[in-house]
Amino acid sequence: MTDLLSHIEIIPASPAHLPWMLATFRHQVGRVLMTGPAEARAETAALARILRGRVGKAAVAVPVGDADDGMGWAVSLFGGLLAVYVSADFRRQGIGAALISVVAPAVPVRVAFWTRDVQAMQAGGFPVEYSIEAFQALCRYARRDYQHQQARAA
């Protein structure tokens, strides 16, 4: 078994990564949080605002020398982890932890969503805790987007 981490690098997310990041987030938020399509769209729109406004910190794991081939990504806002995603083929090899250490280096890591995956990370000894503040930071962006859409519809 090779050490996959020695063959990847963590780079800042670029605009070219955003469609992939948003698509995987939308799929995961709907599946993990069991929300409906409208809620998944609202959360994804909030993440898009954060990424496009460059208020959050976003990083992508890529093979060394190939910045276009994303293996995983992570986003934080004001130090709280909003989301981390690693493609299924590359999970459980330390990529998620490497991404988290770049975007949310404080210990314990404060997370916006408490999921089974996060619970499993905690059970395995990863220093993580739920943060209502991290979740509320994301919600402020979702609420702004929703309020803006409602004002345009009126």
N, C-alpha and C. Protein backbone atom coordinates (compact mmCIF):
# COMPACT_ATOMS: atom_id res chain seq x y z
N MET A 1 0.84 -1.18 0.00
CA MET A 1 0.00 0.00 0.00
C MET A 1 0.89 1.25 0.00
N THR A 2 0.64 2.14 -0.94
CA THR A 2 1.43 3.36 -1.02
C THR A 2 0.83 4.43 -0.13
N ASP A 3 1.66 5.37 0.25
CA ASP A 3 1.21 6.51 1.05
C ASP A 3 0.63 7.55 0.10
N LEU A 4 -0.68 7.56 -0.04
CA LEU A 4 -1.35 8.45 -0.97
C LEU A 4 -1.05 9.91 -0.66
N LEU A 5 -0.94 10.26 0.61
CA LEU A 5 -0.70 11.66 1.00
C LEU A 5 0.60 12.21 0.42
N SER A 6 1.56 11.36 0.17
CA SER A 6 2.82 11.84 -0.40
C SER A 6 2.69 12.16 -1.89
N HIS A 7 1.55 11.82 -2.48
CA HIS A 7 1.32 12.05 -3.90
C HIS A 7 0.25 13.11 -4.17
N ILE A 8 -0.18 13.79 -3.12
CA ILE A 8 -1.17 14.85 -3.30
C ILE A 8 -0.64 16.16 -2.73
N GLU A 9 -1.27 17.24 -3.15
CA GLU A 9 -0.98 18.53 -2.55
C GLU A 9 -2.30 19.22 -2.27
N ILE A 10 -2.29 20.06 -1.26
CA ILE A 10 -3.47 20.84 -0.89
C ILE A 10 -3.23 22.25 -1.42
N ILE A 11 -4.14 22.69 -2.31
CA ILE A 11 -3.98 24.00 -2.94
C ILE A 11 -5.24 24.83 -2.67
N PRO A 12 -5.13 26.15 -2.78
CA PRO A 12 -6.34 26.97 -2.66
C PRO A 12 -7.31 26.63 -3.79
N ALA A 13 -8.59 26.61 -3.47
CA ALA A 13 -9.60 26.36 -4.50
C ALA A 13 -9.59 27.50 -5.50
N SER A 14 -9.74 27.16 -6.77
CA SER A 14 -9.80 28.16 -7.83
C SER A 14 -11.22 28.23 -8.36
N PRO A 15 -11.55 29.27 -9.13
CA PRO A 15 -12.88 29.34 -9.74
C PRO A 15 -13.21 28.10 -10.58
N ALA A 16 -12.22 27.47 -11.16
CA ALA A 16 -12.46 26.27 -11.96
C ALA A 16 -12.95 25.10 -11.10
N HIS A 17 -12.62 25.09 -9.82
CA HIS A 17 -13.05 24.02 -8.92
C HIS A 17 -14.49 24.20 -8.43
N LEU A 18 -15.01 25.42 -8.48
CA LEU A 18 -16.30 25.72 -7.85
C LEU A 18 -17.46 24.86 -8.36
N PRO A 19 -17.64 24.65 -9.66
CA PRO A 19 -18.78 23.82 -10.08
C PRO A 19 -18.76 22.42 -9.46
N TRP A 20 -17.59 21.80 -9.43
CA TRP A 20 -17.45 20.47 -8.82
C TRP A 20 -17.73 20.53 -7.32
N MET A 21 -17.17 21.53 -6.65
CA MET A 21 -17.38 21.65 -5.22
C MET A 21 -18.86 21.84 -4.89
N LEU A 22 -19.52 22.71 -5.62
CA LEU A 22 -20.93 22.99 -5.35
C LEU A 22 -21.82 21.78 -5.69
N ALA A 23 -21.50 21.08 -6.76
CA ALA A 23 -22.29 19.90 -7.12
C ALA A 23 -22.17 18.80 -6.07
N THR A 24 -20.95 18.55 -5.59
CA THR A 24 -20.80 17.52 -4.57
C THR A 24 -21.42 17.95 -3.25
N PHE A 25 -21.30 19.23 -2.92
CA PHE A 25 -21.93 19.73 -1.69
C PHE A 25 -23.44 19.56 -1.75
N ARG A 26 -24.04 19.95 -2.86
CA ARG A 26 -25.50 19.86 -2.99
C ARG A 26 -25.97 18.41 -2.84
N HIS A 27 -25.26 17.51 -3.48
CA HIS A 27 -25.62 16.10 -3.36
C HIS A 27 -25.46 15.61 -1.92
N GLN A 28 -24.34 15.95 -1.31
CA GLN A 28 -24.08 15.48 0.04
C GLN A 28 -25.01 16.11 1.07
N VAL A 29 -25.28 17.39 0.98
CA VAL A 29 -26.14 18.04 1.97
C VAL A 29 -27.55 17.46 1.89
N GLY A 30 -28.02 17.17 0.69
CA GLY A 30 -29.34 16.55 0.56
C GLY A 30 -29.37 15.14 1.12
N ARG A 31 -28.30 14.38 0.88
CA ARG A 31 -28.24 12.99 1.35
C ARG A 31 -27.99 12.91 2.85
N VAL A 32 -27.00 13.64 3.31
CA VAL A 32 -26.59 13.54 4.71
C VAL A 32 -27.61 14.18 5.65
N LEU A 33 -28.10 15.34 5.29
CA LEU A 33 -29.03 16.03 6.17
C LEU A 33 -30.48 15.68 5.88
N MET A 34 -30.69 14.88 4.84
CA MET A 34 -32.03 14.44 4.45
C MET A 34 -32.97 15.63 4.27
N THR A 35 -32.47 16.65 3.60
CA THR A 35 -33.29 17.82 3.31
C THR A 35 -33.94 17.65 1.94
N GLY A 36 -34.91 18.46 1.69
CA GLY A 36 -35.55 18.45 0.39
C GLY A 36 -34.72 19.24 -0.60
N PRO A 37 -35.13 19.22 -1.88
CA PRO A 37 -34.38 19.93 -2.91
C PRO A 37 -34.26 21.43 -2.65
N ALA A 38 -35.31 22.05 -2.13
CA ALA A 38 -35.26 23.50 -1.89
C ALA A 38 -34.23 23.84 -0.83
N GLU A 39 -34.17 23.06 0.24
CA GLU A 39 -33.20 23.32 1.30
C GLU A 39 -31.78 23.06 0.81
N ALA A 40 -31.61 21.99 0.03
CA ALA A 40 -30.28 21.69 -0.51
C ALA A 40 -29.82 22.82 -1.43
N ARG A 41 -30.74 23.35 -2.24
CA ARG A 41 -30.40 24.47 -3.12
C ARG A 41 -30.02 25.70 -2.30
N ALA A 42 -30.77 25.98 -1.23
CA ALA A 42 -30.49 27.16 -0.41
C ALA A 42 -29.12 27.04 0.26
N GLU A 43 -28.80 25.88 0.80
CA GLU A 43 -27.49 25.70 1.44
C GLU A 43 -26.37 25.79 0.40
N THR A 44 -26.61 25.23 -0.78
CA THR A 44 -25.61 25.29 -1.84
C THR A 44 -25.42 26.72 -2.33
N ALA A 45 -26.51 27.45 -2.45
CA ALA A 45 -26.41 28.86 -2.85
C ALA A 45 -25.62 29.65 -1.80
N ALA A 46 -25.82 29.33 -0.54
CA ALA A 46 -25.07 30.01 0.52
C ALA A 46 -23.58 29.71 0.38
N LEU A 47 -23.26 28.44 0.15
CA LEU A 47 -21.85 28.08 -0.02
C LEU A 47 -21.27 28.79 -1.25
N ALA A 48 -22.04 28.88 -2.32
CA ALA A 48 -21.57 29.57 -3.52
C ALA A 48 -21.27 31.04 -3.21
N ARG A 49 -22.14 31.68 -2.45
CA ARG A 49 -21.90 33.09 -2.08
C ARG A 49 -20.61 33.23 -1.27
N ILE A 50 -20.40 32.30 -0.37
CA ILE A 50 -19.19 32.33 0.46
C ILE A 50 -17.95 32.15 -0.41
N LEU A 51 -17.99 31.18 -1.31
CA LEU A 51 -16.84 30.91 -2.17
C LEU A 51 -16.58 32.03 -3.16
N ARG A 52 -17.63 32.52 -3.78
CA ARG A 52 -17.45 33.58 -4.78
C ARG A 52 -17.10 34.91 -4.13
N GLY A 53 -17.56 35.12 -2.90
CA GLY A 53 -17.23 36.34 -2.17
C GLY A 53 -15.89 36.28 -1.48
N ARG A 54 -15.28 35.10 -1.51
CA ARG A 54 -13.96 34.88 -0.91
C ARG A 54 -13.91 35.24 0.57
N VAL A 55 -15.02 35.02 1.27
CA VAL A 55 -15.02 35.28 2.70
C VAL A 55 -14.62 34.04 3.48
N GLY A 56 -14.78 32.89 2.87
CA GLY A 56 -14.38 31.65 3.51
C GLY A 56 -12.99 31.25 3.04
N LYS A 57 -12.50 30.17 3.60
CA LYS A 57 -11.22 29.62 3.18
C LYS A 57 -11.52 28.27 2.54
N ALA A 58 -11.07 28.08 1.30
CA ALA A 58 -11.36 26.85 0.58
C ALA A 58 -10.08 26.24 0.03
N ALA A 59 -9.96 24.93 0.16
CA ALA A 59 -8.79 24.22 -0.33
C ALA A 59 -9.23 22.95 -1.05
N VAL A 60 -8.39 22.51 -1.98
CA VAL A 60 -8.67 21.33 -2.78
C VAL A 60 -7.46 20.40 -2.70
N ALA A 61 -7.72 19.10 -2.59
CA ALA A 61 -6.66 18.10 -2.66
C ALA A 61 -6.56 17.62 -4.10
N VAL A 62 -5.36 17.67 -4.66
CA VAL A 62 -5.13 17.26 -6.05
C VAL A 62 -3.87 16.41 -6.12
N PRO A 63 -3.76 15.57 -7.16
CA PRO A 63 -2.49 14.87 -7.35
C PRO A 63 -1.38 15.89 -7.59
N VAL A 64 -0.19 15.62 -7.11
CA VAL A 64 0.94 16.54 -7.29
C VAL A 64 1.10 16.83 -8.79
N GLY A 65 1.11 18.12 -9.12
CA GLY A 65 1.31 18.54 -10.49
C GLY A 65 0.06 18.56 -11.36
N ASP A 66 -1.10 18.23 -10.81
CA ASP A 66 -2.34 18.21 -11.60
C ASP A 66 -3.43 18.97 -10.85
N ALA A 67 -3.41 20.28 -10.94
CA ALA A 67 -4.33 21.13 -10.18
C ALA A 67 -5.78 21.01 -10.64
N ASP A 68 -6.02 20.36 -11.76
CA ASP A 68 -7.38 20.26 -12.29
C ASP A 68 -8.13 19.02 -11.81
N ASP A 69 -7.44 18.05 -11.25
CA ASP A 69 -8.04 16.77 -10.91
C ASP A 69 -8.30 16.69 -9.40
N GLY A 70 -9.42 17.27 -8.96
CA GLY A 70 -9.74 17.30 -7.53
C GLY A 70 -10.07 15.94 -6.96
N MET A 71 -9.53 15.67 -5.79
CA MET A 71 -9.79 14.44 -5.06
C MET A 71 -10.67 14.71 -3.83
N GLY A 72 -10.65 15.95 -3.38
CA GLY A 72 -11.42 16.34 -2.21
C GLY A 72 -11.30 17.83 -2.00
N TRP A 73 -12.15 18.36 -1.14
CA TRP A 73 -12.12 19.80 -0.86
C TRP A 73 -12.66 20.06 0.54
N ALA A 74 -12.36 21.24 1.04
CA ALA A 74 -12.87 21.66 2.35
C ALA A 74 -13.07 23.17 2.34
N VAL A 75 -14.06 23.64 3.11
CA VAL A 75 -14.36 25.06 3.21
C VAL A 75 -14.62 25.40 4.67
N SER A 76 -14.04 26.52 5.10
CA SER A 76 -14.32 27.03 6.44
C SER A 76 -14.78 28.48 6.32
N LEU A 77 -15.44 28.93 7.36
CA LEU A 77 -15.90 30.31 7.43
C LEU A 77 -15.65 30.78 8.85
N PHE A 78 -14.87 31.83 8.99
CA PHE A 78 -14.52 32.38 10.30
C PHE A 78 -13.98 31.31 11.24
N GLY A 79 -13.20 30.39 10.70
CA GLY A 79 -12.55 29.35 11.48
C GLY A 79 -13.37 28.11 11.73
N GLY A 80 -14.67 28.13 11.41
CA GLY A 80 -15.52 26.94 11.59
C GLY A 80 -15.60 26.15 10.30
N LEU A 81 -15.50 24.85 10.38
CA LEU A 81 -15.55 24.00 9.20
C LEU A 81 -16.98 23.88 8.70
N LEU A 82 -17.21 24.34 7.46
CA LEU A 82 -18.54 24.23 6.86
C LEU A 82 -18.74 22.88 6.20
N ALA A 83 -17.74 22.44 5.47
CA ALA A 83 -17.87 21.18 4.75
C ALA A 83 -16.51 20.65 4.37
N VAL A 84 -16.42 19.33 4.34
CA VAL A 84 -15.25 18.65 3.80
C VAL A 84 -15.78 17.47 2.99
N TYR A 85 -15.19 17.28 1.84
CA TYR A 85 -15.62 16.20 0.95
C TYR A 85 -14.37 15.55 0.36
N VAL A 86 -14.38 14.22 0.35
CA VAL A 86 -13.33 13.45 -0.30
C VAL A 86 -14.02 12.42 -1.18
N SER A 87 -13.59 12.33 -2.44
CA SER A 87 -14.17 11.36 -3.36
C SER A 87 -14.06 9.96 -2.76
N ALA A 88 -15.08 9.14 -3.01
CA ALA A 88 -15.19 7.81 -2.39
C ALA A 88 -13.92 6.97 -2.55
N ASP A 89 -13.28 7.03 -3.69
CA ASP A 89 -12.08 6.21 -3.94
C ASP A 89 -10.90 6.59 -3.06
N PHE A 90 -10.93 7.77 -2.47
CA PHE A 90 -9.78 8.26 -1.73
C PHE A 90 -10.04 8.44 -0.23
N ARG A 91 -11.16 7.98 0.25
CA ARG A 91 -11.50 8.16 1.66
C ARG A 91 -10.68 7.24 2.56
N ARG A 92 -10.60 7.64 3.83
CA ARG A 92 -9.92 6.90 4.88
C ARG A 92 -8.41 6.75 4.63
N GLN A 93 -7.84 7.80 4.00
CA GLN A 93 -6.40 7.79 3.74
C GLN A 93 -5.74 9.08 4.23
N GLY A 94 -6.48 9.87 5.00
CA GLY A 94 -5.91 11.08 5.60
C GLY A 94 -6.12 12.35 4.79
N ILE A 95 -6.76 12.26 3.65
CA ILE A 95 -6.95 13.44 2.82
C ILE A 95 -7.88 14.44 3.50
N GLY A 96 -8.97 13.96 4.08
CA GLY A 96 -9.90 14.85 4.78
C GLY A 96 -9.21 15.58 5.92
N ALA A 97 -8.44 14.86 6.70
CA ALA A 97 -7.72 15.49 7.81
C ALA A 97 -6.72 16.52 7.30
N ALA A 98 -6.05 16.22 6.19
CA ALA A 98 -5.10 17.17 5.63
C ALA A 98 -5.81 18.43 5.16
N LEU A 99 -6.96 18.28 4.52
CA LEU A 99 -7.74 19.43 4.07
C LEU A 99 -8.21 20.27 5.26
N ILE A 100 -8.73 19.60 6.27
CA ILE A 100 -9.23 20.30 7.46
C ILE A 100 -8.11 21.09 8.13
N SER A 101 -6.92 20.50 8.21
CA SER A 101 -5.81 21.19 8.88
C SER A 101 -5.43 22.48 8.16
N VAL A 102 -5.74 22.59 6.88
CA VAL A 102 -5.43 23.80 6.12
C VAL A 102 -6.51 24.87 6.30
N VAL A 103 -7.79 24.47 6.26
CA VAL A 103 -8.86 25.48 6.28
C VAL A 103 -9.37 25.79 7.68
N ALA A 104 -9.22 24.87 8.61
CA ALA A 104 -9.71 25.08 9.99
C ALA A 104 -8.70 24.46 10.96
N PRO A 105 -7.54 25.10 11.13
CA PRO A 105 -6.47 24.47 11.90
C PRO A 105 -6.65 24.48 13.42
N ALA A 106 -7.60 25.23 13.95
CA ALA A 106 -7.78 25.27 15.40
C ALA A 106 -8.24 23.90 15.92
N VAL A 107 -7.80 23.58 17.11
CA VAL A 107 -8.17 22.31 17.74
C VAL A 107 -8.90 22.62 19.03
N PRO A 108 -10.07 22.03 19.27
CA PRO A 108 -10.76 21.10 18.37
C PRO A 108 -11.37 21.84 17.18
N VAL A 109 -11.58 21.10 16.09
CA VAL A 109 -12.18 21.67 14.89
C VAL A 109 -13.67 21.88 15.17
N ARG A 110 -14.13 23.09 14.91
CA ARG A 110 -15.55 23.42 15.10
C ARG A 110 -16.27 23.18 13.78
N VAL A 111 -17.33 22.35 13.79
CA VAL A 111 -18.03 22.00 12.55
C VAL A 111 -19.46 22.55 12.54
N ALA A 112 -19.91 22.91 11.34
CA ALA A 112 -21.25 23.46 11.17
C ALA A 112 -22.32 22.38 11.11
N PHE A 113 -21.96 21.20 10.62
CA PHE A 113 -22.92 20.10 10.49
C PHE A 113 -22.40 18.89 11.25
N TRP A 114 -23.23 18.35 12.13
CA TRP A 114 -22.86 17.13 12.83
C TRP A 114 -23.48 15.97 12.06
N THR A 115 -22.63 15.16 11.45
CA THR A 115 -23.10 14.05 10.63
C THR A 115 -22.55 12.74 11.18
N ARG A 116 -22.98 11.64 10.61
CA ARG A 116 -22.43 10.34 11.01
C ARG A 116 -20.94 10.27 10.74
N ASP A 117 -20.52 10.85 9.61
CA ASP A 117 -19.09 10.85 9.29
C ASP A 117 -18.30 11.63 10.32
N VAL A 118 -18.81 12.78 10.74
CA VAL A 118 -18.12 13.58 11.76
C VAL A 118 -18.11 12.82 13.09
N GLN A 119 -19.22 12.18 13.41
CA GLN A 119 -19.28 11.41 14.64
C GLN A 119 -18.26 10.27 14.61
N ALA A 120 -18.11 9.63 13.46
CA ALA A 120 -17.12 8.55 13.32
C ALA A 120 -15.70 9.10 13.45
N MET A 121 -15.47 10.29 12.90
CA MET A 121 -14.15 10.91 13.05
C MET A 121 -13.85 11.16 14.53
N GLN A 122 -14.85 11.66 15.25
CA GLN A 122 -14.66 11.93 16.67
C GLN A 122 -14.40 10.64 17.43
N ALA A 123 -15.16 9.61 17.11
CA ALA A 123 -14.98 8.31 17.77
C ALA A 123 -13.59 7.75 17.50
N GLY A 124 -13.03 8.07 16.35
CA GLY A 124 -11.68 7.62 16.01
C GLY A 124 -10.58 8.48 16.59
N GLY A 125 -10.95 9.50 17.37
CA GLY A 125 -9.96 10.32 18.04
C GLY A 125 -9.68 11.67 17.40
N PHE A 126 -10.36 11.99 16.29
CA PHE A 126 -10.15 13.28 15.65
C PHE A 126 -10.80 14.37 16.51
N PRO A 127 -10.07 15.45 16.82
CA PRO A 127 -10.60 16.49 17.72
C PRO A 127 -11.62 17.38 17.01
N VAL A 128 -12.89 17.07 17.16
CA VAL A 128 -13.95 17.80 16.48
C VAL A 128 -15.11 18.01 17.44
N GLU A 129 -15.79 19.16 17.27
CA GLU A 129 -16.96 19.44 18.09
C GLU A 129 -17.96 20.23 17.26
N TYR A 130 -19.23 20.07 17.58
CA TYR A 130 -20.26 20.82 16.88
C TYR A 130 -20.19 22.28 17.30
N SER A 131 -20.41 23.18 16.33
CA SER A 131 -20.39 24.61 16.62
C SER A 131 -21.63 25.26 16.04
N ILE A 132 -22.53 25.68 16.91
CA ILE A 132 -23.72 26.39 16.45
C ILE A 132 -23.31 27.68 15.75
N GLU A 133 -22.21 28.29 16.18
CA GLU A 133 -21.74 29.52 15.55
C GLU A 133 -21.34 29.28 14.09
N ALA A 134 -20.68 28.16 13.82
CA ALA A 134 -20.30 27.83 12.44
C ALA A 134 -21.55 27.60 11.59
N PHE A 135 -22.53 26.91 12.14
CA PHE A 135 -23.77 26.67 11.41
C PHE A 135 -24.50 27.98 11.16
N GLN A 136 -24.56 28.85 12.17
CA GLN A 136 -25.25 30.13 12.02
C GLN A 136 -24.56 31.03 11.01
N ALA A 137 -23.24 30.94 10.91
CA ALA A 137 -22.52 31.73 9.91
C ALA A 137 -22.96 31.32 8.51
N LEU A 138 -23.08 30.03 8.27
CA LEU A 138 -23.57 29.56 6.98
C LEU A 138 -25.02 29.99 6.77
N CYS A 139 -25.83 29.87 7.80
CA CYS A 139 -27.25 30.24 7.69
C CYS A 139 -27.43 31.71 7.35
N ARG A 140 -26.55 32.57 7.84
CA ARG A 140 -26.66 33.99 7.50
C ARG A 140 -26.53 34.21 6.00
N TYR A 141 -25.66 33.45 5.36
CA TYR A 141 -25.52 33.55 3.91
C TYR A 141 -26.71 32.93 3.20
N ALA A 142 -27.25 31.86 3.72
CA ALA A 142 -28.45 31.24 3.12
C ALA A 142 -29.63 32.18 3.27
N ARG A 143 -29.78 32.78 4.41
CA ARG A 143 -30.90 33.68 4.68
C ARG A 143 -30.82 34.90 3.76
N ARG A 144 -29.62 35.47 3.60
CA ARG A 144 -29.47 36.62 2.72
C ARG A 144 -29.88 36.26 1.29
N ASP A 145 -29.45 35.10 0.84
CA ASP A 145 -29.78 34.67 -0.51
C ASP A 145 -31.29 34.46 -0.64
N TYR A 146 -31.90 33.82 0.35
CA TYR A 146 -33.34 33.56 0.32
C TYR A 146 -34.12 34.87 0.36
N GLN A 147 -33.72 35.80 1.23
CA GLN A 147 -34.40 37.09 1.33
C GLN A 147 -34.29 37.87 0.03
N HIS A 148 -33.12 37.79 -0.62
CA HIS A 148 -32.93 38.49 -1.89
C HIS A 148 -33.85 37.90 -2.96
N GLN A 149 -33.98 36.58 -3.00
CA GLN A 149 -34.86 35.94 -3.97
C GLN A 149 -36.31 36.32 -3.71
N GLN A 150 -36.71 36.39 -2.43
CA GLN A 150 -38.09 36.75 -2.09
C GLN A 150 -38.37 38.19 -2.50
N ALA A 151 -37.43 39.09 -2.29
CA ALA A 151 -37.63 40.49 -2.65
C ALA A 151 -37.77 40.64 -4.17
N ARG A 152 -37.00 39.86 -4.94
CA ARG A 152 -37.10 39.94 -6.40
C ARG A 152 -38.41 39.37 -6.89
N ALA A 153 -38.95 38.36 -6.20
CA ALA A 153 -40.19 37.71 -6.62
C ALA A 153 -41.40 38.60 -6.34
N ALA A 154 -41.28 39.48 -5.35
CA ALA A 154 -42.43 40.33 -4.95
C ALA A 154 -42.69 41.46 -5.92
